């Protein structure tokens, strides 16, 4: 089923909003659990998408990129504020706070697979739309999970790496954060870092287990 641009944007809208919102809220919930109330005091531990959507990173840039010849999706949400020094065990607990976001995306990917199994029970028109949305939900959440697990600060994978590395090396590695976003953009847009095969293989694996 070939989708028009408008149909495709309609299909991915809900999965994208849920993927971003739950990802950021998961960081906030984990931070609160391990002792940091920064996000809680700023009312950012929420499943309200409006608290996490960034006008440029979540709406304008992804739309422009999708409509460009590159035809790709890339963007970001407002990161949930976390003061790692407020955690009970800052270096150790950083790992769990960082991992909470990608893990929530894995759970949501499985949720969309399970929901896909119920789509054929709907009326035909709704069924086709729901199936497309569920498949998009799986791919979007896996893409967000895999992207964030890249061991490059300030991505979640970078935080996990800093948590696991010895203190002296971790401190030096954390300094990469100031250049991390630029490095990531260069890797993605140059084609050096191609995540698509990994996303597809991960989706196939999840479908085999849960579909």
N, C-alpha and C. Protein backbone atom coordinates (compact mmCIF):
# COMPACT_ATOMS: atom_id res chain seq x y z
N UNK A 1 0.86 -1.20 0.00
CA UNK A 1 0.00 0.00 0.00
C UNK A 1 0.89 1.24 0.00
N UNK A 2 0.91 1.98 -1.10
CA UNK A 2 1.72 3.18 -1.24
C UNK A 2 1.00 4.36 -0.61
N UNK A 3 1.69 5.04 0.30
CA UNK A 3 1.08 6.16 1.00
C UNK A 3 1.54 7.49 0.40
N UNK A 4 0.62 8.45 0.36
CA UNK A 4 1.01 9.80 -0.03
C UNK A 4 1.75 10.44 1.14
N UNK A 5 2.36 11.58 0.90
CA UNK A 5 3.11 12.27 1.96
C UNK A 5 2.20 12.60 3.13
N UNK A 6 1.00 13.12 2.84
CA UNK A 6 0.07 13.49 3.89
C UNK A 6 -0.38 12.26 4.68
N UNK A 7 -0.67 11.17 3.98
CA UNK A 7 -1.08 9.94 4.66
C UNK A 7 0.04 9.41 5.55
N UNK A 8 1.27 9.47 5.05
CA UNK A 8 2.40 8.98 5.84
C UNK A 8 2.60 9.80 7.10
N UNK A 9 2.50 11.13 6.97
CA UNK A 9 2.64 12.00 8.14
C UNK A 9 1.54 11.73 9.16
N UNK A 10 0.34 11.43 8.66
CA UNK A 10 -0.78 11.10 9.55
C UNK A 10 -0.52 9.79 10.29
N UNK A 11 0.04 8.82 9.57
CA UNK A 11 0.32 7.51 10.15
C UNK A 11 1.37 7.59 11.25
N UNK A 12 2.42 8.38 11.02
CA UNK A 12 3.53 8.40 11.98
C UNK A 12 3.34 9.40 13.13
N UNK A 13 2.37 10.31 13.00
CA UNK A 13 2.21 11.38 13.99
C UNK A 13 2.07 10.85 15.41
N UNK A 14 1.11 9.94 15.62
CA UNK A 14 0.86 9.42 16.96
C UNK A 14 2.04 8.60 17.49
N UNK A 15 2.61 7.67 16.70
CA UNK A 15 3.78 6.93 17.19
C UNK A 15 4.95 7.83 17.56
N UNK A 16 5.20 8.87 16.78
CA UNK A 16 6.31 9.79 17.07
C UNK A 16 6.08 10.52 18.39
N UNK A 17 4.86 11.04 18.56
CA UNK A 17 4.54 11.78 19.79
C UNK A 17 4.67 10.88 21.01
N UNK A 18 4.14 9.66 20.92
CA UNK A 18 4.22 8.72 22.05
C UNK A 18 5.67 8.32 22.31
N UNK A 19 6.42 8.05 21.26
CA UNK A 19 7.81 7.61 21.41
C UNK A 19 8.64 8.65 22.15
N UNK A 20 8.49 9.90 21.74
CA UNK A 20 9.26 10.99 22.36
C UNK A 20 8.79 11.25 23.78
N UNK A 21 7.47 11.31 23.97
CA UNK A 21 6.92 11.65 25.28
C UNK A 21 7.27 10.62 26.34
N UNK A 22 7.06 9.35 26.03
CA UNK A 22 7.32 8.30 27.01
C UNK A 22 8.83 8.19 27.27
N UNK A 23 9.64 8.36 26.23
CA UNK A 23 11.09 8.31 26.38
C UNK A 23 11.56 9.34 27.40
N UNK A 24 11.12 10.58 27.22
CA UNK A 24 11.56 11.65 28.12
C UNK A 24 10.97 11.48 29.52
N UNK A 25 9.71 11.10 29.60
CA UNK A 25 9.09 10.89 30.91
C UNK A 25 9.79 9.78 31.67
N UNK A 26 10.25 8.74 30.95
CA UNK A 26 10.94 7.63 31.60
C UNK A 26 12.22 8.09 32.27
N UNK A 27 12.96 9.00 31.61
CA UNK A 27 14.15 9.56 32.24
C UNK A 27 13.78 10.26 33.55
N UNK A 28 12.69 11.04 33.50
CA UNK A 28 12.26 11.78 34.68
C UNK A 28 11.85 10.87 35.82
N UNK A 29 11.08 9.84 35.51
CA UNK A 29 10.64 8.88 36.53
C UNK A 29 11.85 8.18 37.16
N UNK A 30 12.81 7.77 36.32
CA UNK A 30 14.00 7.07 36.82
C UNK A 30 14.83 8.00 37.69
N UNK A 31 15.00 9.25 37.26
CA UNK A 31 15.77 10.21 38.05
C UNK A 31 15.13 10.43 39.42
N UNK A 32 13.82 10.55 39.43
CA UNK A 32 13.12 10.73 40.71
C UNK A 32 13.31 9.51 41.60
N UNK A 33 13.22 8.34 41.03
CA UNK A 33 13.37 7.10 41.79
C UNK A 33 14.76 7.02 42.44
N UNK A 34 15.78 7.50 41.72
CA UNK A 34 17.15 7.40 42.24
C UNK A 34 17.58 8.66 42.99
N UNK A 35 16.64 9.57 43.23
CA UNK A 35 16.95 10.66 44.14
C UNK A 35 17.00 12.07 43.59
N UNK A 36 16.91 12.25 42.25
CA UNK A 36 16.96 13.61 41.69
C UNK A 36 15.54 14.10 41.39
N UNK A 37 15.15 15.19 42.03
CA UNK A 37 13.79 15.72 41.87
C UNK A 37 13.74 16.92 40.93
N UNK A 38 14.81 17.16 40.18
CA UNK A 38 14.86 18.33 39.29
C UNK A 38 13.69 18.34 38.31
N UNK A 39 13.50 17.24 37.59
CA UNK A 39 12.41 17.17 36.61
C UNK A 39 11.05 17.23 37.30
N UNK A 40 10.96 16.64 38.47
CA UNK A 40 9.70 16.65 39.23
C UNK A 40 9.31 18.07 39.62
N UNK A 41 10.27 18.85 40.12
CA UNK A 41 9.99 20.22 40.53
C UNK A 41 9.67 21.12 39.35
N UNK A 42 10.17 20.76 38.16
CA UNK A 42 9.89 21.55 36.96
C UNK A 42 8.66 21.02 36.21
N UNK A 43 7.97 20.06 36.83
CA UNK A 43 6.75 19.48 36.25
C UNK A 43 7.00 18.86 34.88
N UNK A 44 8.18 18.20 34.74
CA UNK A 44 8.52 17.56 33.47
C UNK A 44 8.32 16.05 33.51
N UNK A 45 7.97 15.51 34.67
CA UNK A 45 7.66 14.08 34.71
C UNK A 45 6.19 13.95 34.33
N UNK A 46 5.95 13.91 33.04
CA UNK A 46 4.58 13.98 32.54
C UNK A 46 4.46 13.25 31.22
N UNK A 47 3.27 12.69 30.99
CA UNK A 47 2.97 12.07 29.70
C UNK A 47 2.24 13.05 28.78
N UNK A 48 2.21 14.31 29.18
CA UNK A 48 1.63 15.36 28.34
C UNK A 48 2.66 15.73 27.26
N UNK A 49 2.39 15.44 25.99
CA UNK A 49 3.37 15.70 24.92
C UNK A 49 3.82 17.15 24.85
N UNK A 50 2.95 18.09 25.22
CA UNK A 50 3.28 19.51 25.11
C UNK A 50 4.45 19.89 26.02
N UNK A 51 4.70 19.11 27.04
CA UNK A 51 5.81 19.41 27.95
C UNK A 51 7.15 18.95 27.38
N UNK A 52 7.12 18.15 26.33
CA UNK A 52 8.36 17.58 25.79
C UNK A 52 8.64 17.99 24.35
N UNK A 53 7.64 18.52 23.64
CA UNK A 53 7.82 18.88 22.24
C UNK A 53 8.65 20.16 22.12
N UNK A 54 9.65 20.10 21.25
CA UNK A 54 10.47 21.27 20.93
C UNK A 54 10.04 21.76 19.54
N UNK A 55 9.68 23.00 19.42
CA UNK A 55 9.14 23.53 18.16
C UNK A 55 10.08 23.27 16.98
N UNK A 56 11.36 23.54 17.18
CA UNK A 56 12.33 23.35 16.10
C UNK A 56 12.65 21.87 15.91
N UNK A 57 13.06 21.21 16.98
CA UNK A 57 13.57 19.85 16.88
C UNK A 57 12.52 18.78 16.66
N UNK A 58 11.29 19.02 17.14
CA UNK A 58 10.26 18.00 17.04
C UNK A 58 9.31 18.21 15.87
N UNK A 59 9.17 19.45 15.42
CA UNK A 59 8.18 19.74 14.38
C UNK A 59 8.80 20.29 13.09
N UNK A 60 9.47 21.45 13.20
CA UNK A 60 9.92 22.15 11.99
C UNK A 60 11.03 21.39 11.26
N UNK A 61 12.12 21.04 11.96
CA UNK A 61 13.23 20.35 11.30
C UNK A 61 12.84 18.99 10.74
N UNK A 62 12.14 18.12 11.50
CA UNK A 62 11.73 16.83 10.92
C UNK A 62 10.85 16.98 9.68
N UNK A 63 9.95 17.97 9.71
CA UNK A 63 9.06 18.19 8.56
C UNK A 63 9.86 18.62 7.33
N UNK A 64 10.81 19.55 7.54
CA UNK A 64 11.63 20.04 6.42
C UNK A 64 12.49 18.92 5.84
N UNK A 65 13.08 18.12 6.73
CA UNK A 65 13.93 17.01 6.27
C UNK A 65 13.12 15.96 5.51
N UNK A 66 11.91 15.69 6.01
CA UNK A 66 11.08 14.68 5.36
C UNK A 66 10.66 15.13 3.97
N UNK A 67 10.38 16.42 3.83
CA UNK A 67 9.92 16.95 2.54
C UNK A 67 11.08 17.26 1.60
N UNK A 68 12.31 17.18 2.11
CA UNK A 68 13.50 17.44 1.29
C UNK A 68 13.85 16.20 0.46
N UNK A 69 14.77 16.34 -0.50
CA UNK A 69 15.19 15.17 -1.30
C UNK A 69 15.76 14.03 -0.44
N UNK A 70 16.31 14.38 0.74
CA UNK A 70 16.87 13.35 1.61
C UNK A 70 15.79 12.43 2.14
N UNK A 71 14.57 12.96 2.30
CA UNK A 71 13.40 12.19 2.71
C UNK A 71 13.69 11.35 3.98
N UNK A 72 14.24 12.03 5.00
CA UNK A 72 14.57 11.31 6.22
C UNK A 72 13.97 12.02 7.43
N UNK A 73 13.90 11.29 8.53
CA UNK A 73 13.37 11.85 9.77
C UNK A 73 14.51 11.99 10.78
N UNK A 74 14.64 13.19 11.32
CA UNK A 74 15.64 13.43 12.36
C UNK A 74 15.17 14.61 13.19
N UNK A 75 15.34 14.51 14.48
CA UNK A 75 14.91 15.61 15.34
C UNK A 75 15.18 15.29 16.80
N UNK A 76 14.62 16.08 17.68
CA UNK A 76 14.82 15.89 19.10
C UNK A 76 13.67 16.51 19.88
N UNK A 77 13.57 16.15 21.13
CA UNK A 77 12.58 16.74 22.03
C UNK A 77 13.31 17.54 23.10
N UNK A 78 12.56 18.24 23.93
CA UNK A 78 13.17 18.94 25.05
C UNK A 78 13.68 17.89 26.04
N UNK A 79 14.96 17.85 26.30
CA UNK A 79 15.47 16.84 27.24
C UNK A 79 14.96 17.11 28.65
N UNK A 80 14.58 16.05 29.34
CA UNK A 80 14.15 16.19 30.73
C UNK A 80 15.38 16.55 31.56
N UNK A 81 15.30 17.62 32.36
CA UNK A 81 16.46 18.03 33.16
C UNK A 81 16.79 17.02 34.25
N UNK A 82 18.05 16.60 34.29
CA UNK A 82 18.52 15.67 35.32
C UNK A 82 19.82 16.21 35.90
N UNK A 83 19.86 16.37 37.20
CA UNK A 83 21.10 16.74 37.89
C UNK A 83 21.68 15.46 38.48
N UNK A 84 22.66 14.90 37.79
CA UNK A 84 23.19 13.61 38.20
C UNK A 84 23.84 13.64 39.58
N UNK A 85 24.28 14.83 40.01
CA UNK A 85 24.90 14.93 41.33
C UNK A 85 23.87 14.78 42.45
N UNK A 86 22.60 14.90 42.11
CA UNK A 86 21.55 14.72 43.12
C UNK A 86 21.19 13.25 43.31
N UNK A 87 21.66 12.39 42.41
CA UNK A 87 21.36 10.97 42.53
C UNK A 87 22.07 10.40 43.75
N UNK A 88 21.50 9.38 44.33
CA UNK A 88 22.10 8.80 45.54
C UNK A 88 23.51 8.28 45.27
N UNK A 89 23.70 7.66 44.13
CA UNK A 89 25.03 7.18 43.71
C UNK A 89 25.23 7.69 42.28
N UNK A 90 25.69 8.94 42.12
CA UNK A 90 25.69 9.62 40.81
C UNK A 90 26.24 8.79 39.65
N UNK A 91 27.44 8.25 39.77
CA UNK A 91 28.05 7.54 38.64
C UNK A 91 27.32 6.23 38.35
N UNK A 92 26.94 5.52 39.40
CA UNK A 92 26.26 4.24 39.24
C UNK A 92 24.83 4.43 38.74
N UNK A 93 24.10 5.35 39.36
CA UNK A 93 22.69 5.54 39.02
C UNK A 93 22.49 6.22 37.68
N UNK A 94 23.53 6.92 37.19
CA UNK A 94 23.45 7.56 35.87
C UNK A 94 23.08 6.54 34.80
N UNK A 95 23.61 5.33 34.94
CA UNK A 95 23.35 4.27 33.96
C UNK A 95 21.86 3.99 33.86
N UNK A 96 21.19 3.85 35.01
CA UNK A 96 19.77 3.48 35.01
C UNK A 96 18.89 4.61 34.51
N UNK A 97 19.25 5.84 34.87
CA UNK A 97 18.48 6.99 34.40
C UNK A 97 18.60 7.12 32.88
N UNK A 98 19.82 6.94 32.37
CA UNK A 98 20.05 7.03 30.92
C UNK A 98 19.37 5.89 30.17
N UNK A 99 19.43 4.68 30.75
CA UNK A 99 18.88 3.50 30.06
C UNK A 99 17.35 3.50 30.06
N UNK A 100 16.74 4.25 30.97
CA UNK A 100 15.27 4.25 31.08
C UNK A 100 14.59 4.69 29.78
N UNK A 101 15.18 5.68 29.09
CA UNK A 101 14.58 6.16 27.85
C UNK A 101 14.55 5.12 26.75
N UNK A 102 15.73 4.58 26.36
CA UNK A 102 15.75 3.53 25.33
C UNK A 102 14.93 2.30 25.71
N UNK A 103 14.96 1.94 27.00
CA UNK A 103 14.18 0.77 27.43
C UNK A 103 12.69 1.02 27.24
N UNK A 104 12.23 2.23 27.49
CA UNK A 104 10.82 2.55 27.29
C UNK A 104 10.44 2.42 25.81
N UNK A 105 11.37 2.77 24.92
CA UNK A 105 11.11 2.62 23.49
C UNK A 105 11.02 1.16 23.08
N UNK A 106 11.82 0.30 23.70
CA UNK A 106 11.74 -1.14 23.43
C UNK A 106 10.37 -1.67 23.86
N UNK A 107 9.91 -1.26 25.02
CA UNK A 107 8.60 -1.68 25.51
C UNK A 107 7.50 -1.20 24.58
N UNK A 108 7.61 0.05 24.10
CA UNK A 108 6.59 0.58 23.19
C UNK A 108 6.61 -0.13 21.84
N UNK A 109 7.80 -0.52 21.37
CA UNK A 109 7.89 -1.26 20.11
C UNK A 109 7.15 -2.59 20.24
N UNK A 110 7.33 -3.25 21.37
CA UNK A 110 6.62 -4.52 21.62
C UNK A 110 5.12 -4.27 21.71
N UNK A 111 4.73 -3.16 22.34
CA UNK A 111 3.31 -2.79 22.44
C UNK A 111 2.69 -2.64 21.05
N UNK A 112 3.39 -1.96 20.14
CA UNK A 112 2.86 -1.75 18.79
C UNK A 112 2.75 -3.06 18.02
N UNK A 113 3.68 -3.99 18.27
CA UNK A 113 3.60 -5.31 17.64
C UNK A 113 2.35 -6.05 18.12
N UNK A 114 2.11 -6.02 19.41
CA UNK A 114 0.93 -6.69 19.98
C UNK A 114 -0.35 -6.04 19.46
N UNK A 115 -0.33 -4.72 19.34
CA UNK A 115 -1.50 -4.00 18.83
C UNK A 115 -1.75 -4.34 17.36
N UNK A 116 -0.68 -4.57 16.63
CA UNK A 116 -0.80 -4.94 15.21
C UNK A 116 -1.58 -6.24 15.06
N UNK A 117 -1.42 -7.14 16.00
CA UNK A 117 -2.13 -8.42 15.94
C UNK A 117 -3.63 -8.26 16.09
N UNK A 118 -4.07 -7.13 16.66
CA UNK A 118 -5.50 -6.90 16.85
C UNK A 118 -6.11 -6.10 15.70
N UNK A 119 -5.27 -5.49 14.86
CA UNK A 119 -5.75 -4.62 13.79
C UNK A 119 -6.69 -5.31 12.81
N UNK A 120 -6.45 -6.59 12.42
CA UNK A 120 -7.35 -7.23 11.46
C UNK A 120 -8.80 -7.36 11.95
N UNK A 121 -9.03 -7.22 13.24
CA UNK A 121 -10.39 -7.32 13.77
C UNK A 121 -11.21 -6.05 13.53
N UNK A 122 -10.55 -4.98 13.15
CA UNK A 122 -11.23 -3.71 12.90
C UNK A 122 -11.85 -3.70 11.51
N UNK A 123 -12.79 -2.77 11.26
CA UNK A 123 -13.32 -2.61 9.89
C UNK A 123 -12.18 -2.37 8.91
N UNK A 124 -12.37 -2.77 7.66
CA UNK A 124 -11.28 -2.82 6.68
C UNK A 124 -10.49 -1.51 6.58
N UNK A 125 -11.21 -0.37 6.43
CA UNK A 125 -10.52 0.91 6.26
C UNK A 125 -9.67 1.23 7.50
N UNK A 126 -10.25 1.06 8.68
CA UNK A 126 -9.53 1.32 9.92
C UNK A 126 -8.40 0.32 10.12
N UNK A 127 -8.62 -0.90 9.67
CA UNK A 127 -7.63 -1.95 9.84
C UNK A 127 -6.35 -1.63 9.07
N UNK A 128 -6.49 -1.21 7.82
CA UNK A 128 -5.32 -0.88 7.00
C UNK A 128 -4.53 0.27 7.61
N UNK A 129 -5.26 1.30 8.05
CA UNK A 129 -4.60 2.46 8.66
C UNK A 129 -3.89 2.05 9.95
N UNK A 130 -4.57 1.23 10.77
CA UNK A 130 -4.00 0.80 12.05
C UNK A 130 -2.75 -0.05 11.85
N UNK A 131 -2.79 -0.92 10.83
CA UNK A 131 -1.62 -1.75 10.56
C UNK A 131 -0.41 -0.90 10.17
N UNK A 132 -0.65 0.11 9.33
CA UNK A 132 0.44 1.00 8.92
C UNK A 132 0.98 1.77 10.14
N UNK A 133 0.07 2.22 11.01
CA UNK A 133 0.49 2.96 12.19
C UNK A 133 1.29 2.07 13.15
N UNK A 134 0.84 0.85 13.33
CA UNK A 134 1.55 -0.07 14.23
C UNK A 134 2.95 -0.39 13.72
N UNK A 135 3.06 -0.64 12.42
CA UNK A 135 4.37 -0.92 11.84
C UNK A 135 5.29 0.29 11.98
N UNK A 136 4.72 1.48 11.78
CA UNK A 136 5.51 2.71 11.96
C UNK A 136 5.92 2.86 13.41
N UNK A 137 5.01 2.51 14.34
CA UNK A 137 5.31 2.60 15.76
C UNK A 137 6.49 1.73 16.15
N UNK A 138 6.55 0.54 15.58
CA UNK A 138 7.67 -0.37 15.86
C UNK A 138 8.98 0.23 15.36
N UNK A 139 8.99 0.67 14.11
CA UNK A 139 10.23 1.18 13.51
C UNK A 139 10.69 2.47 14.18
N UNK A 140 9.75 3.38 14.49
CA UNK A 140 10.11 4.66 15.11
C UNK A 140 10.71 4.44 16.49
N UNK A 141 10.10 3.57 17.28
CA UNK A 141 10.62 3.33 18.63
C UNK A 141 11.97 2.62 18.59
N UNK A 142 12.14 1.70 17.67
CA UNK A 142 13.43 1.02 17.57
C UNK A 142 14.50 1.99 17.06
N UNK A 143 14.12 2.87 16.14
CA UNK A 143 15.07 3.86 15.64
C UNK A 143 15.51 4.79 16.77
N UNK A 144 14.55 5.23 17.59
CA UNK A 144 14.88 6.12 18.70
C UNK A 144 15.74 5.40 19.74
N UNK A 145 15.42 4.12 19.99
CA UNK A 145 16.19 3.34 20.95
C UNK A 145 17.63 3.16 20.47
N UNK A 146 17.79 2.72 19.23
CA UNK A 146 19.13 2.44 18.69
C UNK A 146 19.96 3.72 18.59
N UNK A 147 19.32 4.79 18.12
CA UNK A 147 20.03 6.08 18.00
C UNK A 147 20.55 6.53 19.36
N UNK A 148 19.70 6.43 20.37
CA UNK A 148 20.08 6.91 21.70
C UNK A 148 21.08 6.01 22.40
N UNK A 149 21.23 4.77 21.94
CA UNK A 149 22.19 3.86 22.55
C UNK A 149 23.59 3.99 21.95
N UNK A 150 23.74 4.86 20.95
CA UNK A 150 25.08 5.13 20.42
C UNK A 150 25.92 5.71 21.56
N UNK A 151 27.10 5.14 21.84
CA UNK A 151 27.90 5.59 22.99
C UNK A 151 28.61 6.92 22.76
N UNK A 152 27.80 7.94 22.53
CA UNK A 152 28.33 9.28 22.26
C UNK A 152 27.60 10.29 23.13
N UNK A 153 28.28 10.90 24.10
CA UNK A 153 27.63 11.94 24.89
C UNK A 153 27.17 13.07 23.98
N UNK A 154 25.99 13.67 24.16
CA UNK A 154 25.09 13.52 25.31
C UNK A 154 23.97 12.49 25.11
N UNK A 155 24.11 11.59 24.16
CA UNK A 155 23.10 10.56 23.97
C UNK A 155 23.08 9.63 25.18
N UNK A 156 22.00 8.90 25.33
CA UNK A 156 21.87 8.00 26.48
C UNK A 156 22.99 6.97 26.51
N UNK A 157 23.39 6.48 25.35
CA UNK A 157 24.49 5.53 25.28
C UNK A 157 25.79 6.13 25.78
N UNK A 158 25.98 7.43 25.55
CA UNK A 158 27.15 8.11 26.06
C UNK A 158 27.14 8.19 27.57
N UNK A 159 25.95 8.46 28.14
CA UNK A 159 25.81 8.51 29.60
C UNK A 159 26.09 7.13 30.20
N UNK A 160 25.59 6.10 29.54
CA UNK A 160 25.83 4.74 30.03
C UNK A 160 27.32 4.42 30.00
N UNK A 161 27.99 4.84 28.92
CA UNK A 161 29.43 4.60 28.81
C UNK A 161 30.19 5.32 29.92
N UNK A 162 29.82 6.57 30.19
CA UNK A 162 30.47 7.33 31.26
C UNK A 162 30.26 6.65 32.60
N UNK A 163 29.08 6.08 32.80
CA UNK A 163 28.78 5.38 34.05
C UNK A 163 29.64 4.14 34.23
N UNK A 164 29.94 3.46 33.13
CA UNK A 164 30.66 2.18 33.20
C UNK A 164 32.18 2.33 33.17
N UNK A 165 32.68 3.41 32.58
CA UNK A 165 34.12 3.59 32.45
C UNK A 165 34.76 3.95 33.80
N UNK A 166 36.05 3.64 33.98
CA UNK A 166 36.76 4.09 35.19
C UNK A 166 36.70 5.61 35.30
N UNK A 167 36.77 6.14 36.51
CA UNK A 167 36.53 7.56 36.76
C UNK A 167 37.37 8.49 35.90
N UNK A 168 38.67 8.22 35.81
CA UNK A 168 39.54 9.13 35.07
C UNK A 168 39.18 9.16 33.59
N UNK A 169 38.95 7.98 33.01
CA UNK A 169 38.58 7.90 31.59
C UNK A 169 37.18 8.46 31.38
N UNK A 170 36.28 8.17 32.32
CA UNK A 170 34.90 8.65 32.22
C UNK A 170 34.86 10.17 32.18
N UNK A 171 35.67 10.81 33.03
CA UNK A 171 35.71 12.28 33.08
C UNK A 171 36.14 12.85 31.73
N UNK A 172 37.19 12.27 31.15
CA UNK A 172 37.67 12.76 29.86
C UNK A 172 36.66 12.49 28.75
N UNK A 173 36.03 11.32 28.81
CA UNK A 173 35.05 10.96 27.78
C UNK A 173 33.83 11.87 27.85
N UNK A 174 33.45 12.27 29.05
CA UNK A 174 32.29 13.16 29.23
C UNK A 174 32.51 14.51 28.57
N UNK A 175 33.78 14.90 28.40
CA UNK A 175 34.08 16.19 27.78
C UNK A 175 33.69 16.23 26.30
N UNK A 176 33.50 15.05 25.72
CA UNK A 176 33.10 14.97 24.30
C UNK A 176 31.70 15.55 24.11
N UNK A 177 30.94 15.65 25.20
CA UNK A 177 29.53 16.07 25.10
C UNK A 177 29.36 17.40 24.37
N UNK A 178 30.28 18.32 24.57
CA UNK A 178 30.14 19.64 23.94
C UNK A 178 30.19 19.56 22.41
N UNK A 179 30.79 18.49 21.89
CA UNK A 179 30.87 18.31 20.43
C UNK A 179 29.98 17.15 19.95
N UNK A 180 29.35 16.47 20.88
CA UNK A 180 28.62 15.25 20.54
C UNK A 180 27.55 15.42 19.49
N UNK A 181 26.76 16.47 19.60
CA UNK A 181 25.65 16.66 18.67
C UNK A 181 26.16 16.92 17.26
N UNK A 182 27.23 17.70 17.16
CA UNK A 182 27.81 17.99 15.84
C UNK A 182 28.38 16.71 15.23
N UNK A 183 29.07 15.92 16.05
CA UNK A 183 29.63 14.65 15.57
C UNK A 183 28.52 13.73 15.07
N UNK A 184 27.42 13.67 15.82
CA UNK A 184 26.30 12.80 15.44
C UNK A 184 25.71 13.22 14.10
N UNK A 185 25.50 14.51 13.91
CA UNK A 185 24.92 15.00 12.65
C UNK A 185 25.83 14.66 11.48
N UNK A 186 27.14 14.85 11.65
CA UNK A 186 28.10 14.54 10.58
C UNK A 186 28.05 13.05 10.24
N UNK A 187 28.03 12.20 11.27
CA UNK A 187 28.00 10.74 11.06
C UNK A 187 26.73 10.31 10.33
N UNK A 188 25.59 10.90 10.71
CA UNK A 188 24.30 10.50 10.12
C UNK A 188 24.15 11.00 8.69
N UNK A 189 24.44 12.28 8.48
CA UNK A 189 24.18 12.87 7.17
C UNK A 189 25.26 12.55 6.15
N UNK A 190 26.42 12.09 6.60
CA UNK A 190 27.47 11.69 5.67
C UNK A 190 27.27 10.25 5.22
N UNK A 191 26.41 9.52 5.94
CA UNK A 191 26.16 8.12 5.60
C UNK A 191 27.14 7.17 6.26
N UNK A 192 28.09 7.70 7.02
CA UNK A 192 29.06 6.85 7.71
C UNK A 192 28.34 5.96 8.72
N UNK A 193 27.34 6.55 9.39
CA UNK A 193 26.56 5.82 10.38
C UNK A 193 25.19 5.51 9.79
N UNK A 194 25.01 4.28 9.35
CA UNK A 194 23.74 3.85 8.74
C UNK A 194 23.03 2.91 9.72
N UNK A 195 21.99 3.42 10.36
CA UNK A 195 21.27 2.65 11.37
C UNK A 195 20.15 1.80 10.79
N UNK A 196 19.80 2.05 9.54
CA UNK A 196 18.62 1.39 8.96
C UNK A 196 18.69 -0.13 8.99
N UNK A 197 19.82 -0.75 8.59
CA UNK A 197 19.87 -2.23 8.63
C UNK A 197 19.65 -2.78 10.04
N UNK A 198 20.18 -2.11 11.04
CA UNK A 198 20.01 -2.56 12.42
C UNK A 198 18.57 -2.39 12.87
N UNK A 199 17.93 -1.31 12.44
CA UNK A 199 16.52 -1.08 12.79
C UNK A 199 15.65 -2.17 12.18
N UNK A 200 15.90 -2.49 10.91
CA UNK A 200 15.11 -3.52 10.20
C UNK A 200 15.30 -4.89 10.84
N UNK A 201 16.56 -5.25 11.13
CA UNK A 201 16.82 -6.56 11.73
C UNK A 201 16.22 -6.65 13.13
N UNK A 202 16.26 -5.56 13.88
CA UNK A 202 15.66 -5.55 15.22
C UNK A 202 14.14 -5.68 15.14
N UNK A 203 13.54 -5.01 14.15
CA UNK A 203 12.10 -5.10 13.97
C UNK A 203 11.69 -6.53 13.60
N UNK A 204 12.44 -7.14 12.70
CA UNK A 204 12.15 -8.52 12.30
C UNK A 204 12.25 -9.47 13.49
N UNK A 205 13.23 -9.24 14.35
CA UNK A 205 13.43 -10.08 15.53
C UNK A 205 12.24 -9.96 16.48
N UNK A 206 11.80 -8.73 16.71
CA UNK A 206 10.66 -8.50 17.62
C UNK A 206 9.37 -9.08 17.05
N UNK A 207 9.19 -8.94 15.74
CA UNK A 207 8.00 -9.50 15.11
C UNK A 207 7.98 -11.02 15.25
N UNK A 208 9.13 -11.66 15.11
CA UNK A 208 9.18 -13.12 15.23
C UNK A 208 8.80 -13.58 16.63
N UNK A 209 9.16 -12.79 17.62
CA UNK A 209 8.91 -13.19 19.01
C UNK A 209 7.48 -12.88 19.46
N UNK A 210 7.00 -11.69 19.10
CA UNK A 210 5.74 -11.20 19.69
C UNK A 210 4.56 -11.18 18.72
N UNK A 211 4.81 -11.28 17.43
CA UNK A 211 3.68 -11.20 16.48
C UNK A 211 2.86 -12.49 16.49
